[in-house]
Amino acid sequence: LANELNDFLEDNKIDGPYILVGHSLGG
C-alpha cells in the first residue's frame, strides 16, 4: 500500500515534499 502510493505519485509526476493526511487505516 505504501509503495503503491509512492508509485502513484511518481507515475503522475507529483513531486513533493508532501504533507500526508490519513484516516483510520490510512494512518
mmCIF file of all heavy atoms, coordinates in Angstrom:
data_MODEL
# 
_entry.id   MODEL 
# 
loop_
_atom_site.group_PDB 
_atom_site.id 
_atom_site.type_symbol 
_atom_site.label_atom_id 
_atom_site.label_alt_id 
_atom_site.label_comp_id 
_atom_site.label_asym_id 
_atom_site.label_entity_id 
_atom_site.label_seq_id 
_atom_site.pdbx_PDB_ins_code 
_atom_site.Cartn_x 
_atom_site.Cartn_y 
_atom_site.Cartn_z 
_atom_site.occupancy 
_atom_site.B_iso_or_equiv 
_atom_site.pdbx_formal_charge 
_atom_site.auth_seq_id 
_atom_site.auth_comp_id 
_atom_site.auth_asym_id 
_atom_site.auth_atom_id 
_atom_site.pdbx_PDB_model_num 
ATOM 1   N N   . LEU A 1 1  ? 0.832   -1.208 0.000   1.00 0.00 ? 1  LEU A N   1 
ATOM 2   C CA  . LEU A 1 1  ? 0.000   0.000  0.000   1.00 0.00 ? 1  LEU A CA  1 
ATOM 3   C C   . LEU A 1 1  ? 0.864   1.254  0.000   1.00 0.00 ? 1  LEU A C   1 
ATOM 4   O O   . LEU A 1 1  ? 0.575   2.219  -0.729  1.00 0.00 ? 1  LEU A O   1 
ATOM 5   C CB  . LEU A 1 1  ? -0.937  -0.007 1.205   1.00 0.00 ? 1  LEU A CB  1 
ATOM 6   C CG  . LEU A 1 1  ? -2.000  -1.112 1.226   1.00 0.00 ? 1  LEU A CG  1 
ATOM 7   C CD1 . LEU A 1 1  ? -2.821  -1.023 2.500   1.00 0.00 ? 1  LEU A CD1 1 
ATOM 8   C CD2 . LEU A 1 1  ? -2.905  -1.051 0.011   1.00 0.00 ? 1  LEU A CD2 1 
ATOM 9   N N   . ALA A 1 2  ? 1.919   1.267  0.805   1.00 0.00 ? 2  ALA A N   1 
ATOM 10  C CA  . ALA A 1 2  ? 2.794   2.441  0.851   1.00 0.00 ? 2  ALA A CA  1 
ATOM 11  C C   . ALA A 1 2  ? 3.573   2.594  -0.457  1.00 0.00 ? 2  ALA A C   1 
ATOM 12  O O   . ALA A 1 2  ? 3.717   3.705  -0.978  1.00 0.00 ? 2  ALA A O   1 
ATOM 13  C CB  . ALA A 1 2  ? 3.757   2.332  2.029   1.00 0.00 ? 2  ALA A CB  1 
ATOM 14  N N   . ASN A 1 3  ? 4.066   1.486  -0.998  1.00 0.00 ? 3  ASN A N   1 
ATOM 15  C CA  . ASN A 1 3  ? 4.815   1.553  -2.249  1.00 0.00 ? 3  ASN A CA  1 
ATOM 16  C C   . ASN A 1 3  ? 3.919   1.947  -3.416  1.00 0.00 ? 3  ASN A C   1 
ATOM 17  O O   . ASN A 1 3  ? 4.360   2.662  -4.332  1.00 0.00 ? 3  ASN A O   1 
ATOM 18  C CB  . ASN A 1 3  ? 5.489   0.212  -2.528  1.00 0.00 ? 3  ASN A CB  1 
ATOM 19  C CG  . ASN A 1 3  ? 6.647   -0.071 -1.602  1.00 0.00 ? 3  ASN A CG  1 
ATOM 20  O OD1 . ASN A 1 3  ? 7.284   0.855  -1.091  1.00 0.00 ? 3  ASN A OD1 1 
ATOM 21  N ND2 . ASN A 1 3  ? 6.931   -1.336 -1.362  1.00 0.00 ? 3  ASN A ND2 1 
ATOM 22  N N   . GLU A 1 4  ? 2.672   1.499  -3.389  1.00 0.00 ? 4  GLU A N   1 
ATOM 23  C CA  . GLU A 1 4  ? 1.750   1.873  -4.456  1.00 0.00 ? 4  GLU A CA  1 
ATOM 24  C C   . GLU A 1 4  ? 1.405   3.356  -4.403  1.00 0.00 ? 4  GLU A C   1 
ATOM 25  O O   . GLU A 1 4  ? 1.211   3.994  -5.451  1.00 0.00 ? 4  GLU A O   1 
ATOM 26  C CB  . GLU A 1 4  ? 0.485   1.016  -4.381  1.00 0.00 ? 4  GLU A CB  1 
ATOM 27  C CG  . GLU A 1 4  ? 0.723   -0.417 -4.848  1.00 0.00 ? 4  GLU A CG  1 
ATOM 28  C CD  . GLU A 1 4  ? -0.385  -1.378 -4.463  1.00 0.00 ? 4  GLU A CD  1 
ATOM 29  O OE1 . GLU A 1 4  ? -1.447  -0.914 -3.991  1.00 0.00 ? 4  GLU A OE1 1 
ATOM 30  O OE2 . GLU A 1 4  ? -0.187  -2.594 -4.625  1.00 0.00 ? 4  GLU A OE2 1 
ATOM 31  N N   . LEU A 1 5  ? 1.343   3.928  -3.211  1.00 0.00 ? 5  LEU A N   1 
ATOM 32  C CA  . LEU A 1 5  ? 1.156   5.374  -3.105  1.00 0.00 ? 5  LEU A CA  1 
ATOM 33  C C   . LEU A 1 5  ? 2.357   6.086  -3.716  1.00 0.00 ? 5  LEU A C   1 
ATOM 34  O O   . LEU A 1 5  ? 2.192   7.042  -4.484  1.00 0.00 ? 5  LEU A O   1 
ATOM 35  C CB  . LEU A 1 5  ? 0.973   5.790  -1.647  1.00 0.00 ? 5  LEU A CB  1 
ATOM 36  C CG  . LEU A 1 5  ? 0.997   7.294  -1.367  1.00 0.00 ? 5  LEU A CG  1 
ATOM 37  C CD1 . LEU A 1 5  ? -0.056  8.034  -2.199  1.00 0.00 ? 5  LEU A CD1 1 
ATOM 38  C CD2 . LEU A 1 5  ? 0.792   7.571  0.122   1.00 0.00 ? 5  LEU A CD2 1 
ATOM 39  N N   . ASN A 1 6  ? 3.548   5.622  -3.412  1.00 0.00 ? 6  ASN A N   1 
ATOM 40  C CA  . ASN A 1 6  ? 4.739   6.235  -3.986  1.00 0.00 ? 6  ASN A CA  1 
ATOM 41  C C   . ASN A 1 6  ? 4.758   6.103  -5.507  1.00 0.00 ? 6  ASN A C   1 
ATOM 42  O O   . ASN A 1 6  ? 5.077   7.062  -6.228  1.00 0.00 ? 6  ASN A O   1 
ATOM 43  C CB  . ASN A 1 6  ? 5.993   5.599  -3.392  1.00 0.00 ? 6  ASN A CB  1 
ATOM 44  C CG  . ASN A 1 6  ? 7.253   6.312  -3.820  1.00 0.00 ? 6  ASN A CG  1 
ATOM 45  O OD1 . ASN A 1 6  ? 7.447   7.497  -3.557  1.00 0.00 ? 6  ASN A OD1 1 
ATOM 46  N ND2 . ASN A 1 6  ? 8.136   5.593  -4.504  1.00 0.00 ? 6  ASN A ND2 1 
ATOM 47  N N   . ASP A 1 7  ? 4.382   4.926  -5.997  1.00 0.00 ? 7  ASP A N   1 
ATOM 48  C CA  . ASP A 1 7  ? 4.328   4.713  -7.445  1.00 0.00 ? 7  ASP A CA  1 
ATOM 49  C C   . ASP A 1 7  ? 3.311   5.646  -8.098  1.00 0.00 ? 7  ASP A C   1 
ATOM 50  O O   . ASP A 1 7  ? 3.574   6.214  -9.170  1.00 0.00 ? 7  ASP A O   1 
ATOM 51  C CB  . ASP A 1 7  ? 3.957   3.262  -7.756  1.00 0.00 ? 7  ASP A CB  1 
ATOM 52  C CG  . ASP A 1 7  ? 5.047   2.269  -7.375  1.00 0.00 ? 7  ASP A CG  1 
ATOM 53  O OD1 . ASP A 1 7  ? 6.201   2.704  -7.162  1.00 0.00 ? 7  ASP A OD1 1 
ATOM 54  O OD2 . ASP A 1 7  ? 4.729   1.069  -7.272  1.00 0.00 ? 7  ASP A OD2 1 
ATOM 55  N N   . PHE A 1 8  ? 2.161   5.805  -7.459  1.00 0.00 ? 8  PHE A N   1 
ATOM 56  C CA  . PHE A 1 8  ? 1.117   6.694  -7.990  1.00 0.00 ? 8  PHE A CA  1 
ATOM 57  C C   . PHE A 1 8  ? 1.642   8.121  -8.108  1.00 0.00 ? 8  PHE A C   1 
ATOM 58  O O   . PHE A 1 8  ? 1.453   8.787  -9.137  1.00 0.00 ? 8  PHE A O   1 
ATOM 59  C CB  . PHE A 1 8  ? -0.106  6.643  -7.077  1.00 0.00 ? 8  PHE A CB  1 
ATOM 60  C CG  . PHE A 1 8  ? -1.115  7.725  -7.335  1.00 0.00 ? 8  PHE A CG  1 
ATOM 61  C CD1 . PHE A 1 8  ? -2.002  7.640  -8.396  1.00 0.00 ? 8  PHE A CD1 1 
ATOM 62  C CD2 . PHE A 1 8  ? -1.181  8.849  -6.506  1.00 0.00 ? 8  PHE A CD2 1 
ATOM 63  C CE1 . PHE A 1 8  ? -2.929  8.651  -8.630  1.00 0.00 ? 8  PHE A CE1 1 
ATOM 64  C CE2 . PHE A 1 8  ? -2.102  9.856  -6.734  1.00 0.00 ? 8  PHE A CE2 1 
ATOM 65  C CZ  . PHE A 1 8  ? -2.981  9.753  -7.809  1.00 0.00 ? 8  PHE A CZ  1 
ATOM 66  N N   . LEU A 1 9  ? 2.301   8.594  -7.067  1.00 0.00 ? 9  LEU A N   1 
ATOM 67  C CA  . LEU A 1 9  ? 2.823   9.959  -7.085  1.00 0.00 ? 9  LEU A CA  1 
ATOM 68  C C   . LEU A 1 9  ? 3.924   10.119 -8.135  1.00 0.00 ? 9  LEU A C   1 
ATOM 69  O O   . LEU A 1 9  ? 3.954   11.114 -8.874  1.00 0.00 ? 9  LEU A O   1 
ATOM 70  C CB  . LEU A 1 9  ? 3.347   10.326 -5.698  1.00 0.00 ? 9  LEU A CB  1 
ATOM 71  C CG  . LEU A 1 9  ? 2.289   10.403 -4.588  1.00 0.00 ? 9  LEU A CG  1 
ATOM 72  C CD1 . LEU A 1 9  ? 2.955   10.516 -3.224  1.00 0.00 ? 9  LEU A CD1 1 
ATOM 73  C CD2 . LEU A 1 9  ? 1.324   11.558 -4.804  1.00 0.00 ? 9  LEU A CD2 1 
ATOM 74  N N   . GLU A 1 10 ? 4.802   9.146  -8.224  1.00 0.00 ? 10 GLU A N   1 
ATOM 75  C CA  . GLU A 1 10 ? 5.889   9.233  -9.202  1.00 0.00 ? 10 GLU A CA  1 
ATOM 76  C C   . GLU A 1 10 ? 5.374   9.104  -10.626 1.00 0.00 ? 10 GLU A C   1 
ATOM 77  O O   . GLU A 1 10 ? 5.796   9.849  -11.530 1.00 0.00 ? 10 GLU A O   1 
ATOM 78  C CB  . GLU A 1 10 ? 6.934   8.154  -8.920  1.00 0.00 ? 10 GLU A CB  1 
ATOM 79  C CG  . GLU A 1 10 ? 7.743   8.418  -7.653  1.00 0.00 ? 10 GLU A CG  1 
ATOM 80  C CD  . GLU A 1 10 ? 8.950   7.506  -7.527  1.00 0.00 ? 10 GLU A CD  1 
ATOM 81  O OE1 . GLU A 1 10 ? 9.013   6.489  -8.262  1.00 0.00 ? 10 GLU A OE1 1 
ATOM 82  O OE2 . GLU A 1 10 ? 9.833   7.813  -6.702  1.00 0.00 ? 10 GLU A OE2 1 
ATOM 83  N N   . ASP A 1 11 ? 4.462   8.150  -10.860 1.00 0.00 ? 11 ASP A N   1 
ATOM 84  C CA  . ASP A 1 11 ? 3.933   7.936  -12.210 1.00 0.00 ? 11 ASP A CA  1 
ATOM 85  C C   . ASP A 1 11 ? 3.193   9.166  -12.728 1.00 0.00 ? 11 ASP A C   1 
ATOM 86  O O   . ASP A 1 11 ? 3.188   9.440  -13.937 1.00 0.00 ? 11 ASP A O   1 
ATOM 87  C CB  . ASP A 1 11 ? 2.996   6.731  -12.238 1.00 0.00 ? 11 ASP A CB  1 
ATOM 88  C CG  . ASP A 1 11 ? 3.729   5.411  -12.034 1.00 0.00 ? 11 ASP A CG  1 
ATOM 89  O OD1 . ASP A 1 11 ? 4.971   5.409  -12.119 1.00 0.00 ? 11 ASP A OD1 1 
ATOM 90  O OD2 . ASP A 1 11 ? 3.056   4.398  -11.766 1.00 0.00 ? 11 ASP A OD2 1 
ATOM 91  N N   . ASN A 1 12 ? 2.562   9.900  -11.807 1.00 0.00 ? 12 ASN A N   1 
ATOM 92  C CA  . ASN A 1 12 ? 1.815   11.094 -12.202 1.00 0.00 ? 12 ASN A CA  1 
ATOM 93  C C   . ASN A 1 12 ? 2.645   12.366 -12.057 1.00 0.00 ? 12 ASN A C   1 
ATOM 94  O O   . ASN A 1 12 ? 2.108   13.469 -12.176 1.00 0.00 ? 12 ASN A O   1 
ATOM 95  C CB  . ASN A 1 12 ? 0.529   11.189 -11.381 1.00 0.00 ? 12 ASN A CB  1 
ATOM 96  C CG  . ASN A 1 12 ? -0.504  10.162 -11.789 1.00 0.00 ? 12 ASN A CG  1 
ATOM 97  O OD1 . ASN A 1 12 ? -1.213  10.336 -12.768 1.00 0.00 ? 12 ASN A OD1 1 
ATOM 98  N ND2 . ASN A 1 12 ? -0.573  9.060  -11.053 1.00 0.00 ? 12 ASN A ND2 1 
ATOM 99  N N   . LYS A 1 13 ? 3.959   12.160 -11.801 1.00 0.00 ? 13 LYS A N   1 
ATOM 100 C CA  . LYS A 1 13 ? 4.904   13.285 -11.708 1.00 0.00 ? 13 LYS A CA  1 
ATOM 101 C C   . LYS A 1 13 ? 4.436   14.350 -10.699 1.00 0.00 ? 13 LYS A C   1 
ATOM 102 O O   . LYS A 1 13 ? 4.476   15.546 -10.952 1.00 0.00 ? 13 LYS A O   1 
ATOM 103 C CB  . LYS A 1 13 ? 5.133   13.907 -13.081 1.00 0.00 ? 13 LYS A CB  1 
ATOM 104 C CG  . LYS A 1 13 ? 5.804   12.948 -14.064 1.00 0.00 ? 13 LYS A CG  1 
ATOM 105 C CD  . LYS A 1 13 ? 5.996   13.574 -15.416 1.00 0.00 ? 13 LYS A CD  1 
ATOM 106 C CE  . LYS A 1 13 ? 6.881   12.715 -16.323 1.00 0.00 ? 13 LYS A CE  1 
ATOM 107 N NZ  . LYS A 1 13 ? 6.518   11.293 -16.365 1.00 0.00 ? 13 LYS A NZ  1 
ATOM 108 N N   . ILE A 1 14 ? 3.966   13.851 -9.561  1.00 0.00 ? 14 ILE A N   1 
ATOM 109 C CA  . ILE A 1 14 ? 3.540   14.727 -8.472  1.00 0.00 ? 14 ILE A CA  1 
ATOM 110 C C   . ILE A 1 14 ? 4.693   14.805 -7.474  1.00 0.00 ? 14 ILE A C   1 
ATOM 111 O O   . ILE A 1 14 ? 4.851   13.946 -6.606  1.00 0.00 ? 14 ILE A O   1 
ATOM 112 C CB  . ILE A 1 14 ? 2.260   14.202 -7.797  1.00 0.00 ? 14 ILE A CB  1 
ATOM 113 C CG1 . ILE A 1 14 ? 1.145   14.026 -8.829  1.00 0.00 ? 14 ILE A CG1 1 
ATOM 114 C CG2 . ILE A 1 14 ? 1.811   15.146 -6.684  1.00 0.00 ? 14 ILE A CG2 1 
ATOM 115 C CD1 . ILE A 1 14 ? -0.041  13.231 -8.337  1.00 0.00 ? 14 ILE A CD1 1 
ATOM 116 N N   . ASP A 1 15 ? 5.519   15.799 -7.654  1.00 0.00 ? 15 ASP A N   1 
ATOM 117 C CA  . ASP A 1 15 ? 6.709   15.921 -6.823  1.00 0.00 ? 15 ASP A CA  1 
ATOM 118 C C   . ASP A 1 15 ? 6.375   16.488 -5.451  1.00 0.00 ? 15 ASP A C   1 
ATOM 119 O O   . ASP A 1 15 ? 5.498   17.344 -5.316  1.00 0.00 ? 15 ASP A O   1 
ATOM 120 C CB  . ASP A 1 15 ? 7.736   16.822 -7.501  1.00 0.00 ? 15 ASP A CB  1 
ATOM 121 C CG  . ASP A 1 15 ? 8.224   16.244 -8.818  1.00 0.00 ? 15 ASP A CG  1 
ATOM 122 O OD1 . ASP A 1 15 ? 8.300   15.007 -8.916  1.00 0.00 ? 15 ASP A OD1 1 
ATOM 123 O OD2 . ASP A 1 15 ? 8.501   17.022 -9.751  1.00 0.00 ? 15 ASP A OD2 1 
ATOM 124 N N   . GLY A 1 16 ? 7.106   16.025 -4.460  1.00 0.00 ? 16 GLY A N   1 
ATOM 125 C CA  . GLY A 1 16 ? 6.935   16.523 -3.106  1.00 0.00 ? 16 GLY A CA  1 
ATOM 126 C C   . GLY A 1 16 ? 7.678   17.822 -2.899  1.00 0.00 ? 16 GLY A C   1 
ATOM 127 O O   . GLY A 1 16 ? 8.054   18.473 -3.870  1.00 0.00 ? 16 GLY A O   1 
ATOM 128 N N   . PRO A 1 17 ? 7.890   18.185 -1.658  1.00 0.00 ? 17 PRO A N   1 
ATOM 129 C CA  . PRO A 1 17 ? 7.592   17.379 -0.460  1.00 0.00 ? 17 PRO A CA  1 
ATOM 130 C C   . PRO A 1 17 ? 6.099   17.360 -0.140  1.00 0.00 ? 17 PRO A C   1 
ATOM 131 O O   . PRO A 1 17 ? 5.343   18.199 -0.618  1.00 0.00 ? 17 PRO A O   1 
ATOM 132 C CB  . PRO A 1 17 ? 8.384   18.081 0.640   1.00 0.00 ? 17 PRO A CB  1 
ATOM 133 C CG  . PRO A 1 17 ? 8.417   19.521 0.195   1.00 0.00 ? 17 PRO A CG  1 
ATOM 134 C CD  . PRO A 1 17 ? 8.523   19.470 -1.299  1.00 0.00 ? 17 PRO A CD  1 
ATOM 135 N N   . TYR A 1 18 ? 5.714   16.374 0.679   1.00 0.00 ? 18 TYR A N   1 
ATOM 136 C CA  . TYR A 1 18 ? 4.307   16.133 0.956   1.00 0.00 ? 18 TYR A CA  1 
ATOM 137 C C   . TYR A 1 18 ? 3.960   16.350 2.436   1.00 0.00 ? 18 TYR A C   1 
ATOM 138 O O   . TYR A 1 18 ? 4.756   16.082 3.321   1.00 0.00 ? 18 TYR A O   1 
ATOM 139 C CB  . TYR A 1 18 ? 3.924   14.690 0.617   1.00 0.00 ? 18 TYR A CB  1 
ATOM 140 C CG  . TYR A 1 18 ? 4.375   14.222 -0.739  1.00 0.00 ? 18 TYR A CG  1 
ATOM 141 C CD1 . TYR A 1 18 ? 5.339   13.214 -0.850  1.00 0.00 ? 18 TYR A CD1 1 
ATOM 142 C CD2 . TYR A 1 18 ? 3.845   14.755 -1.911  1.00 0.00 ? 18 TYR A CD2 1 
ATOM 143 C CE1 . TYR A 1 18 ? 5.763   12.751 -2.089  1.00 0.00 ? 18 TYR A CE1 1 
ATOM 144 C CE2 . TYR A 1 18 ? 4.261   14.309 -3.157  1.00 0.00 ? 18 TYR A CE2 1 
ATOM 145 C CZ  . TYR A 1 18 ? 5.221   13.308 -3.239  1.00 0.00 ? 18 TYR A CZ  1 
ATOM 146 O OH  . TYR A 1 18 ? 5.649   12.854 -4.463  1.00 0.00 ? 18 TYR A OH  1 
ATOM 147 N N   . ILE A 1 19 ? 2.733   16.798 2.641   1.00 0.00 ? 19 ILE A N   1 
ATOM 148 C CA  . ILE A 1 19 ? 2.039   16.626 3.915   1.00 0.00 ? 19 ILE A CA  1 
ATOM 149 C C   . ILE A 1 19 ? 1.047   15.507 3.677   1.00 0.00 ? 19 ILE A C   1 
ATOM 150 O O   . ILE A 1 19 ? 0.234   15.577 2.755   1.00 0.00 ? 19 ILE A O   1 
ATOM 151 C CB  . ILE A 1 19 ? 1.313   17.908 4.358   1.00 0.00 ? 19 ILE A CB  1 
ATOM 152 C CG1 . ILE A 1 19 ? 2.321   18.998 4.739   1.00 0.00 ? 19 ILE A CG1 1 
ATOM 153 C CG2 . ILE A 1 19 ? 0.380   17.620 5.543   1.00 0.00 ? 19 ILE A CG2 1 
ATOM 154 C CD1 . ILE A 1 19 ? 1.679   20.337 5.028   1.00 0.00 ? 19 ILE A CD1 1 
ATOM 155 N N   . LEU A 1 20 ? 1.103   14.474 4.490   1.00 0.00 ? 20 LEU A N   1 
ATOM 156 C CA  . LEU A 1 20 ? 0.211   13.333 4.326   1.00 0.00 ? 20 LEU A CA  1 
ATOM 157 C C   . LEU A 1 20 ? -0.888  13.386 5.379   1.00 0.00 ? 20 LEU A C   1 
ATOM 158 O O   . LEU A 1 20 ? -0.623  13.609 6.558   1.00 0.00 ? 20 LEU A O   1 
ATOM 159 C CB  . LEU A 1 20 ? 0.983   12.022 4.461   1.00 0.00 ? 20 LEU A CB  1 
ATOM 160 C CG  . LEU A 1 20 ? 2.159   11.812 3.496   1.00 0.00 ? 20 LEU A CG  1 
ATOM 161 C CD1 . LEU A 1 20 ? 2.808   10.452 3.762   1.00 0.00 ? 20 LEU A CD1 1 
ATOM 162 C CD2 . LEU A 1 20 ? 1.710   11.908 2.047   1.00 0.00 ? 20 LEU A CD2 1 
ATOM 163 N N   . VAL A 1 21 ? -2.123  13.177 4.919   1.00 0.00 ? 21 VAL A N   1 
ATOM 164 C CA  . VAL A 1 21 ? -3.289  13.180 5.799   1.00 0.00 ? 21 VAL A CA  1 
ATOM 165 C C   . VAL A 1 21 ? -3.938  11.804 5.704   1.00 0.00 ? 21 VAL A C   1 
ATOM 166 O O   . VAL A 1 21 ? -4.355  11.383 4.617   1.00 0.00 ? 21 VAL A O   1 
ATOM 167 C CB  . VAL A 1 21 ? -4.307  14.268 5.391   1.00 0.00 ? 21 VAL A CB  1 
ATOM 168 C CG1 . VAL A 1 21 ? -5.483  14.289 6.365   1.00 0.00 ? 21 VAL A CG1 1 
ATOM 169 C CG2 . VAL A 1 21 ? -3.635  15.630 5.314   1.00 0.00 ? 21 VAL A CG2 1 
ATOM 170 N N   . GLY A 1 22 ? -4.015  11.082 6.818   1.00 0.00 ? 22 GLY A N   1 
ATOM 171 C CA  . GLY A 1 22 ? -4.539  9.726  6.773   1.00 0.00 ? 22 GLY A CA  1 
ATOM 172 C C   . GLY A 1 22 ? -5.618  9.472  7.803   1.00 0.00 ? 22 GLY A C   1 
ATOM 173 O O   . GLY A 1 22 ? -5.458  9.801  8.974   1.00 0.00 ? 22 GLY A O   1 
ATOM 174 N N   . HIS A 1 23 ? -6.719  8.876  7.342   1.00 0.00 ? 23 HIS A N   1 
ATOM 175 C CA  . HIS A 1 23 ? -7.811  8.490  8.241   1.00 0.00 ? 23 HIS A CA  1 
ATOM 176 C C   . HIS A 1 23 ? -7.780  6.980  8.467   1.00 0.00 ? 23 HIS A C   1 
ATOM 177 O O   . HIS A 1 23 ? -7.603  6.210  7.530   1.00 0.00 ? 23 HIS A O   1 
ATOM 178 C CB  . HIS A 1 23 ? -9.163  8.889  7.633   1.00 0.00 ? 23 HIS A CB  1 
ATOM 179 C CG  . HIS A 1 23 ? -10.345 8.292  8.351   1.00 0.00 ? 23 HIS A CG  1 
ATOM 180 N ND1 . HIS A 1 23 ? -11.183 7.369  7.785   1.00 0.00 ? 23 HIS A ND1 1 
ATOM 181 C CD2 . HIS A 1 23 ? -10.804 8.486  9.615   1.00 0.00 ? 23 HIS A CD2 1 
ATOM 182 C CE1 . HIS A 1 23 ? -12.123 7.027  8.643   1.00 0.00 ? 23 HIS A CE1 1 
ATOM 183 N NE2 . HIS A 1 23 ? -11.914 7.684  9.768   1.00 0.00 ? 23 HIS A NE2 1 
ATOM 184 N N   . SER A 1 24 ? -7.938  6.569  9.728   1.00 0.00 ? 24 SER A N   1 
ATOM 185 C CA  . SER A 1 24 ? -8.103  5.160  10.086  1.00 0.00 ? 24 SER A CA  1 
ATOM 186 C C   . SER A 1 24 ? -6.947  4.336  9.529   1.00 0.00 ? 24 SER A C   1 
ATOM 187 O O   . SER A 1 24 ? -5.778  4.592  9.849   1.00 0.00 ? 24 SER A O   1 
ATOM 188 C CB  . SER A 1 24 ? -9.459  4.664  9.573   1.00 0.00 ? 24 SER A CB  1 
ATOM 189 O OG  . SER A 1 24 ? -9.813  3.438  10.153  1.00 0.00 ? 24 SER A OG  1 
ATOM 190 N N   . LEU A 1 25 ? -7.223  3.340  8.681   1.00 0.00 ? 25 LEU A N   1 
ATOM 191 C CA  . LEU A 1 25 ? -6.166  2.549  8.057   1.00 0.00 ? 25 LEU A CA  1 
ATOM 192 C C   . LEU A 1 25 ? -5.178  3.435  7.305   1.00 0.00 ? 25 LEU A C   1 
ATOM 193 O O   . LEU A 1 25 ? -3.980  3.117  7.221   1.00 0.00 ? 25 LEU A O   1 
ATOM 194 C CB  . LEU A 1 25 ? -6.777  1.527  7.094   1.00 0.00 ? 25 LEU A CB  1 
ATOM 195 C CG  . LEU A 1 25 ? -5.808  0.741  6.212   1.00 0.00 ? 25 LEU A CG  1 
ATOM 196 C CD1 . LEU A 1 25 ? -4.891  -0.124 7.048   1.00 0.00 ? 25 LEU A CD1 1 
ATOM 197 C CD2 . LEU A 1 25 ? -6.563  -0.090 5.190   1.00 0.00 ? 25 LEU A CD2 1 
ATOM 198 N N   . GLY A 1 26 ? -5.657  4.552  6.792   1.00 0.00 ? 26 GLY A N   1 
ATOM 199 C CA  . GLY A 1 26 ? -4.762  5.492  6.129   1.00 0.00 ? 26 GLY A CA  1 
ATOM 200 C C   . GLY A 1 26 ? -3.645  5.971  7.039   1.00 0.00 ? 26 GLY A C   1 
ATOM 201 O O   . GLY A 1 26 ? -2.576  6.368  6.562   1.00 0.00 ? 26 GLY A O   1 
ATOM 202 N N   . GLY A 1 27 ? -3.877  5.932  8.345   1.00 0.00 ? 27 GLY A N   1 
ATOM 203 C CA  . GLY A 1 27 ? -2.823  6.288  9.297   1.00 0.00 ? 27 GLY A CA  1 
ATOM 204 C C   . GLY A 1 27 ? -1.647  5.324  9.223   1.00 0.00 ? 27 GLY A C   1 
ATOM 205 O O   . GLY A 1 27 ? -0.483  5.730  9.308   1.00 0.00 ? 27 GLY A O   1 
# 
